[in-house]
Amino acid sequence: MVQVVLVCGGYEGQLRGYQLTVHSGTTADEITLTSMQSPNAASEPEMVGKAVPIFALLAHAGCVRALSCGGELLVSGGSEHTIGVYNVRKRREYGKLLQQDGGGALNCLR
C-alpha cells in the first residue's frame, strides 16, 4: 500500500487535506472518486484505495490561487496577496507572509 496526502484549496479560502491509501500497483487511470460516480450507475467501481479527511482550515480571506508542497511543508497563496506556510505532518500553521504595497496577483508557487 502507498500513502499520499492530497491537498486542495477552494474559492472560499479553505484548505482540505486527505490521506490517500492506494493499493500497490494501482495506476493513475484506475483511481476514481466514488463521490463523482452517478448515483444511477449500473455497477459500482472496484475500490482501489480510500481517502480519509485529515484536516480542513480557513487559510485565506479570498480564494486559494496556488499550492505547493515539499516534504512536510505546505505553502498556499491567496487572492488577498498573502502566502500561508503550514506543517502538514504536525497540522499547524507557521505563519503568513504579507505582500507590501498591494503588489500583483499571486498565481504560482515554486
N, C-alpha and C. Protein backbone atom coordinates (compact mmCIF):
# COMPACT_ATOMS: atom_id res chain seq x y z
N MET A 1 0.82 -1.18 0.00
CA MET A 1 0.00 0.00 0.00
C MET A 1 0.87 1.25 0.00
N VAL A 2 0.38 2.27 -0.67
CA VAL A 2 1.08 3.55 -0.77
C VAL A 2 0.19 4.62 -0.12
N GLN A 3 0.79 5.48 0.70
CA GLN A 3 0.02 6.56 1.33
C GLN A 3 0.52 7.90 0.82
N VAL A 4 -0.44 8.75 0.43
CA VAL A 4 -0.15 10.06 -0.13
C VAL A 4 -1.11 11.06 0.51
N VAL A 5 -0.65 12.29 0.70
CA VAL A 5 -1.53 13.36 1.18
C VAL A 5 -1.95 14.19 -0.02
N LEU A 6 -3.24 14.35 -0.20
CA LEU A 6 -3.81 15.18 -1.26
C LEU A 6 -4.36 16.44 -0.60
N VAL A 7 -3.94 17.61 -1.08
CA VAL A 7 -4.41 18.89 -0.54
C VAL A 7 -5.08 19.67 -1.65
N CYS A 8 -6.24 20.23 -1.35
CA CYS A 8 -6.94 21.05 -2.33
C CYS A 8 -7.43 22.33 -1.67
N GLY A 9 -7.52 23.38 -2.46
CA GLY A 9 -7.98 24.67 -1.99
C GLY A 9 -9.23 25.08 -2.74
N GLY A 10 -9.98 26.00 -2.16
CA GLY A 10 -11.24 26.38 -2.78
C GLY A 10 -11.44 27.88 -2.87
N TYR A 11 -12.54 28.25 -3.51
CA TYR A 11 -12.90 29.66 -3.68
C TYR A 11 -13.23 30.33 -2.34
N GLU A 12 -13.59 29.54 -1.34
CA GLU A 12 -13.94 30.09 -0.03
C GLU A 12 -12.73 30.33 0.85
N GLY A 13 -11.52 30.02 0.37
CA GLY A 13 -10.31 30.21 1.14
C GLY A 13 -9.94 29.01 2.00
N GLN A 14 -10.67 27.91 1.87
CA GLN A 14 -10.40 26.73 2.68
C GLN A 14 -9.32 25.86 2.05
N LEU A 15 -8.56 25.19 2.91
CA LEU A 15 -7.66 24.12 2.52
C LEU A 15 -8.19 22.84 3.13
N ARG A 16 -8.21 21.78 2.35
CA ARG A 16 -8.63 20.47 2.84
C ARG A 16 -7.57 19.44 2.49
N GLY A 17 -7.27 18.58 3.45
CA GLY A 17 -6.27 17.55 3.24
C GLY A 17 -6.87 16.17 3.43
N TYR A 18 -6.45 15.25 2.58
CA TYR A 18 -6.93 13.87 2.63
C TYR A 18 -5.74 12.93 2.61
N GLN A 19 -5.80 11.88 3.42
CA GLN A 19 -4.80 10.81 3.40
C GLN A 19 -5.31 9.75 2.44
N LEU A 20 -4.61 9.58 1.32
CA LEU A 20 -5.00 8.58 0.33
C LEU A 20 -4.18 7.32 0.57
N THR A 21 -4.85 6.21 0.66
CA THR A 21 -4.19 4.92 0.76
C THR A 21 -4.58 4.13 -0.47
N VAL A 22 -3.59 3.83 -1.30
CA VAL A 22 -3.84 3.16 -2.58
C VAL A 22 -3.08 1.85 -2.60
N HIS A 23 -3.72 0.82 -3.11
CA HIS A 23 -3.07 -0.48 -3.22
C HIS A 23 -1.87 -0.39 -4.16
N SER A 24 -0.79 -1.05 -3.83
CA SER A 24 0.41 -1.06 -4.67
C SER A 24 0.06 -1.59 -6.05
N GLY A 25 0.68 -1.02 -7.06
CA GLY A 25 0.45 -1.46 -8.42
C GLY A 25 -0.72 -0.78 -9.10
N THR A 26 -1.42 0.10 -8.40
CA THR A 26 -2.55 0.81 -8.99
C THR A 26 -2.03 1.94 -9.86
N THR A 27 -2.58 2.05 -11.07
CA THR A 27 -2.18 3.14 -11.97
C THR A 27 -3.08 4.34 -11.75
N ALA A 28 -2.65 5.50 -12.23
CA ALA A 28 -3.44 6.72 -12.08
C ALA A 28 -4.79 6.58 -12.78
N ASP A 29 -4.86 5.83 -13.88
CA ASP A 29 -6.12 5.65 -14.61
C ASP A 29 -7.13 4.83 -13.81
N GLU A 30 -6.68 4.03 -12.87
CA GLU A 30 -7.58 3.18 -12.09
C GLU A 30 -8.17 3.89 -10.87
N ILE A 31 -7.61 5.03 -10.50
CA ILE A 31 -8.09 5.74 -9.31
C ILE A 31 -9.30 6.58 -9.67
N THR A 32 -10.42 6.32 -9.02
CA THR A 32 -11.64 7.10 -9.24
C THR A 32 -12.20 7.51 -7.88
N LEU A 33 -12.89 8.63 -7.86
CA LEU A 33 -13.56 9.04 -6.65
C LEU A 33 -15.01 8.61 -6.75
N THR A 34 -15.45 7.75 -5.84
CA THR A 34 -16.81 7.22 -5.93
C THR A 34 -17.85 8.31 -5.76
N SER A 35 -17.50 9.43 -5.11
CA SER A 35 -18.47 10.51 -4.94
C SER A 35 -18.80 11.17 -6.27
N MET A 36 -17.94 10.99 -7.27
CA MET A 36 -18.18 11.59 -8.57
C MET A 36 -18.97 10.65 -9.49
N GLN A 37 -19.21 9.44 -9.06
CA GLN A 37 -19.96 8.48 -9.86
C GLN A 37 -21.44 8.82 -9.83
N SER A 38 -22.12 8.55 -10.90
CA SER A 38 -23.56 8.78 -10.97
C SER A 38 -24.28 7.86 -9.99
N PRO A 39 -25.25 8.38 -9.22
CA PRO A 39 -25.97 7.51 -8.27
C PRO A 39 -26.80 6.44 -9.00
N ASN A 40 -27.04 6.62 -10.27
CA ASN A 40 -27.82 5.65 -11.05
C ASN A 40 -26.93 4.69 -11.82
N ALA A 41 -25.63 4.69 -11.51
CA ALA A 41 -24.72 3.80 -12.23
C ALA A 41 -25.12 2.34 -12.01
N ALA A 42 -25.01 1.56 -13.07
CA ALA A 42 -25.44 0.16 -13.00
C ALA A 42 -24.56 -0.66 -12.06
N SER A 43 -23.29 -0.37 -12.03
CA SER A 43 -22.40 -1.13 -11.15
C SER A 43 -21.41 -0.18 -10.49
N GLU A 44 -21.06 -0.47 -9.27
CA GLU A 44 -20.11 0.34 -8.52
C GLU A 44 -18.69 0.00 -9.01
N PRO A 45 -17.81 1.00 -9.12
CA PRO A 45 -16.43 0.71 -9.49
C PRO A 45 -15.72 -0.04 -8.37
N GLU A 46 -14.75 -0.84 -8.73
CA GLU A 46 -13.98 -1.57 -7.73
C GLU A 46 -13.10 -0.57 -6.97
N MET A 47 -13.11 -0.65 -5.66
CA MET A 47 -12.31 0.26 -4.84
C MET A 47 -10.84 -0.13 -4.93
N VAL A 48 -10.00 0.84 -5.27
CA VAL A 48 -8.57 0.58 -5.34
C VAL A 48 -7.84 1.24 -4.16
N GLY A 49 -8.58 1.89 -3.28
CA GLY A 49 -7.99 2.55 -2.12
C GLY A 49 -9.05 3.34 -1.39
N LYS A 50 -8.61 4.18 -0.45
CA LYS A 50 -9.57 5.01 0.28
C LYS A 50 -8.96 6.36 0.58
N ALA A 51 -9.83 7.36 0.79
CA ALA A 51 -9.41 8.72 1.15
C ALA A 51 -10.04 9.08 2.49
N VAL A 52 -9.21 9.50 3.43
CA VAL A 52 -9.69 9.87 4.76
C VAL A 52 -9.35 11.35 4.99
N PRO A 53 -10.35 12.19 5.32
CA PRO A 53 -10.06 13.59 5.62
C PRO A 53 -9.16 13.71 6.85
N ILE A 54 -8.08 14.51 6.75
CA ILE A 54 -7.18 14.67 7.89
C ILE A 54 -7.15 16.11 8.41
N PHE A 55 -7.51 17.09 7.57
CA PHE A 55 -7.61 18.45 8.07
C PHE A 55 -8.44 19.32 7.14
N ALA A 56 -9.00 20.37 7.71
CA ALA A 56 -9.72 21.40 6.96
C ALA A 56 -9.53 22.69 7.74
N LEU A 57 -9.14 23.75 7.05
CA LEU A 57 -8.94 25.01 7.74
C LEU A 57 -9.23 26.17 6.80
N LEU A 58 -9.60 27.29 7.40
CA LEU A 58 -9.81 28.52 6.64
C LEU A 58 -8.47 29.21 6.56
N ALA A 59 -7.84 29.16 5.39
CA ALA A 59 -6.47 29.64 5.23
C ALA A 59 -6.38 31.06 4.71
N HIS A 60 -7.37 31.49 3.92
CA HIS A 60 -7.30 32.80 3.28
C HIS A 60 -8.65 33.49 3.33
N ALA A 61 -8.62 34.83 3.33
CA ALA A 61 -9.86 35.61 3.29
C ALA A 61 -10.46 35.58 1.88
N GLY A 62 -9.62 35.40 0.87
CA GLY A 62 -10.08 35.25 -0.51
C GLY A 62 -9.90 33.82 -0.96
N CYS A 63 -9.98 33.59 -2.25
CA CYS A 63 -9.85 32.21 -2.75
C CYS A 63 -8.39 31.77 -2.77
N VAL A 64 -8.18 30.47 -2.69
CA VAL A 64 -6.84 29.88 -2.78
C VAL A 64 -6.46 29.83 -4.25
N ARG A 65 -5.32 30.44 -4.60
CA ARG A 65 -4.92 30.53 -6.00
C ARG A 65 -3.75 29.62 -6.33
N ALA A 66 -2.97 29.20 -5.33
CA ALA A 66 -1.79 28.37 -5.60
C ALA A 66 -1.45 27.53 -4.38
N LEU A 67 -0.94 26.32 -4.63
CA LEU A 67 -0.48 25.41 -3.57
C LEU A 67 0.85 24.81 -3.99
N SER A 68 1.72 24.61 -3.02
CA SER A 68 2.98 23.92 -3.27
C SER A 68 3.34 23.13 -2.03
N CYS A 69 3.89 21.94 -2.23
CA CYS A 69 4.24 21.06 -1.12
C CYS A 69 5.68 20.60 -1.29
N GLY A 70 6.38 20.50 -0.19
CA GLY A 70 7.73 19.97 -0.20
C GLY A 70 8.03 19.36 1.15
N GLY A 71 8.24 18.05 1.20
CA GLY A 71 8.46 17.38 2.48
C GLY A 71 7.22 17.50 3.34
N GLU A 72 7.38 18.05 4.53
CA GLU A 72 6.23 18.19 5.43
C GLU A 72 5.63 19.60 5.36
N LEU A 73 6.20 20.49 4.54
CA LEU A 73 5.70 21.85 4.45
C LEU A 73 4.73 22.03 3.29
N LEU A 74 3.69 22.81 3.54
CA LEU A 74 2.69 23.19 2.53
C LEU A 74 2.65 24.71 2.50
N VAL A 75 2.66 25.28 1.30
CA VAL A 75 2.59 26.72 1.13
C VAL A 75 1.39 27.01 0.25
N SER A 76 0.56 27.98 0.66
CA SER A 76 -0.62 28.34 -0.13
C SER A 76 -0.60 29.84 -0.40
N GLY A 77 -1.09 30.21 -1.57
CA GLY A 77 -1.19 31.61 -1.94
C GLY A 77 -2.64 31.98 -2.16
N GLY A 78 -3.05 33.12 -1.63
CA GLY A 78 -4.44 33.53 -1.74
C GLY A 78 -4.62 34.78 -2.59
N SER A 79 -5.86 35.02 -2.99
CA SER A 79 -6.16 36.18 -3.81
C SER A 79 -6.03 37.50 -3.04
N GLU A 80 -5.91 37.42 -1.71
CA GLU A 80 -5.74 38.63 -0.90
C GLU A 80 -4.27 38.98 -0.73
N HIS A 81 -3.39 38.40 -1.56
CA HIS A 81 -1.96 38.70 -1.62
C HIS A 81 -1.21 38.25 -0.37
N THR A 82 -1.59 37.10 0.19
CA THR A 82 -0.85 36.52 1.32
C THR A 82 -0.38 35.12 0.95
N ILE A 83 0.69 34.70 1.62
CA ILE A 83 1.22 33.35 1.47
C ILE A 83 1.19 32.71 2.85
N GLY A 84 0.54 31.56 2.97
CA GLY A 84 0.49 30.84 4.24
C GLY A 84 1.45 29.68 4.24
N VAL A 85 2.12 29.45 5.35
CA VAL A 85 3.08 28.35 5.49
C VAL A 85 2.57 27.41 6.59
N TYR A 86 2.46 26.12 6.27
CA TYR A 86 1.87 25.12 7.18
C TYR A 86 2.75 23.89 7.25
N ASN A 87 2.70 23.20 8.38
CA ASN A 87 3.34 21.90 8.54
C ASN A 87 2.23 20.85 8.46
N VAL A 88 2.24 20.05 7.40
CA VAL A 88 1.18 19.07 7.19
C VAL A 88 1.26 17.94 8.21
N ARG A 89 2.46 17.51 8.53
CA ARG A 89 2.62 16.39 9.47
C ARG A 89 2.13 16.76 10.87
N LYS A 90 2.48 17.96 11.34
CA LYS A 90 2.07 18.41 12.68
C LYS A 90 0.71 19.10 12.68
N ARG A 91 0.20 19.40 11.48
CA ARG A 91 -1.09 20.08 11.31
C ARG A 91 -1.13 21.42 12.06
N ARG A 92 -0.12 22.26 11.77
CA ARG A 92 -0.10 23.57 12.39
C ARG A 92 0.36 24.62 11.39
N GLU A 93 -0.10 25.84 11.62
CA GLU A 93 0.27 26.96 10.77
C GLU A 93 1.53 27.62 11.32
N TYR A 94 2.52 27.87 10.45
CA TYR A 94 3.72 28.57 10.87
C TYR A 94 3.57 30.07 10.78
N GLY A 95 2.72 30.54 9.87
CA GLY A 95 2.51 31.98 9.76
C GLY A 95 2.12 32.39 8.35
N LYS A 96 1.99 33.70 8.17
CA LYS A 96 1.61 34.27 6.88
C LYS A 96 2.64 35.29 6.45
N LEU A 97 2.87 35.35 5.16
CA LEU A 97 3.72 36.37 4.56
C LEU A 97 2.79 37.33 3.83
N LEU A 98 2.92 38.62 4.11
CA LEU A 98 2.07 39.63 3.51
C LEU A 98 2.85 40.40 2.45
N GLN A 99 2.19 40.65 1.33
CA GLN A 99 2.82 41.40 0.26
C GLN A 99 2.61 42.90 0.51
N GLN A 100 3.68 43.67 0.52
CA GLN A 100 3.58 45.11 0.79
C GLN A 100 3.16 45.87 -0.46
N ASP A 101 2.54 47.01 -0.25
CA ASP A 101 2.17 47.94 -1.32
C ASP A 101 1.27 47.31 -2.37
N GLY A 102 0.38 46.44 -1.95
CA GLY A 102 -0.60 45.85 -2.89
C GLY A 102 -0.02 44.76 -3.75
N GLY A 103 0.94 45.08 -4.59
CA GLY A 103 1.60 44.09 -5.43
C GLY A 103 0.66 43.51 -6.47
N GLY A 104 1.11 42.46 -7.12
CA GLY A 104 0.33 41.80 -8.15
C GLY A 104 -0.33 40.54 -7.62
N ALA A 105 -1.17 39.97 -8.44
CA ALA A 105 -1.86 38.73 -8.07
C ALA A 105 -0.88 37.57 -8.00
N LEU A 106 -1.08 36.68 -7.04
CA LEU A 106 -0.23 35.51 -6.85
C LEU A 106 -0.87 34.33 -7.57
N ASN A 107 -0.20 33.80 -8.59
CA ASN A 107 -0.77 32.71 -9.37
C ASN A 107 0.06 31.43 -9.33
N CYS A 108 1.28 31.47 -8.82
CA CYS A 108 2.14 30.30 -8.87
C CYS A 108 3.10 30.32 -7.69
N LEU A 109 3.38 29.15 -7.13
CA LEU A 109 4.39 28.98 -6.08
C LEU A 109 5.35 27.90 -6.52
N ARG A 110 6.63 28.09 -6.28
CA ARG A 110 7.64 27.08 -6.63
C ARG A 110 8.44 26.70 -5.42
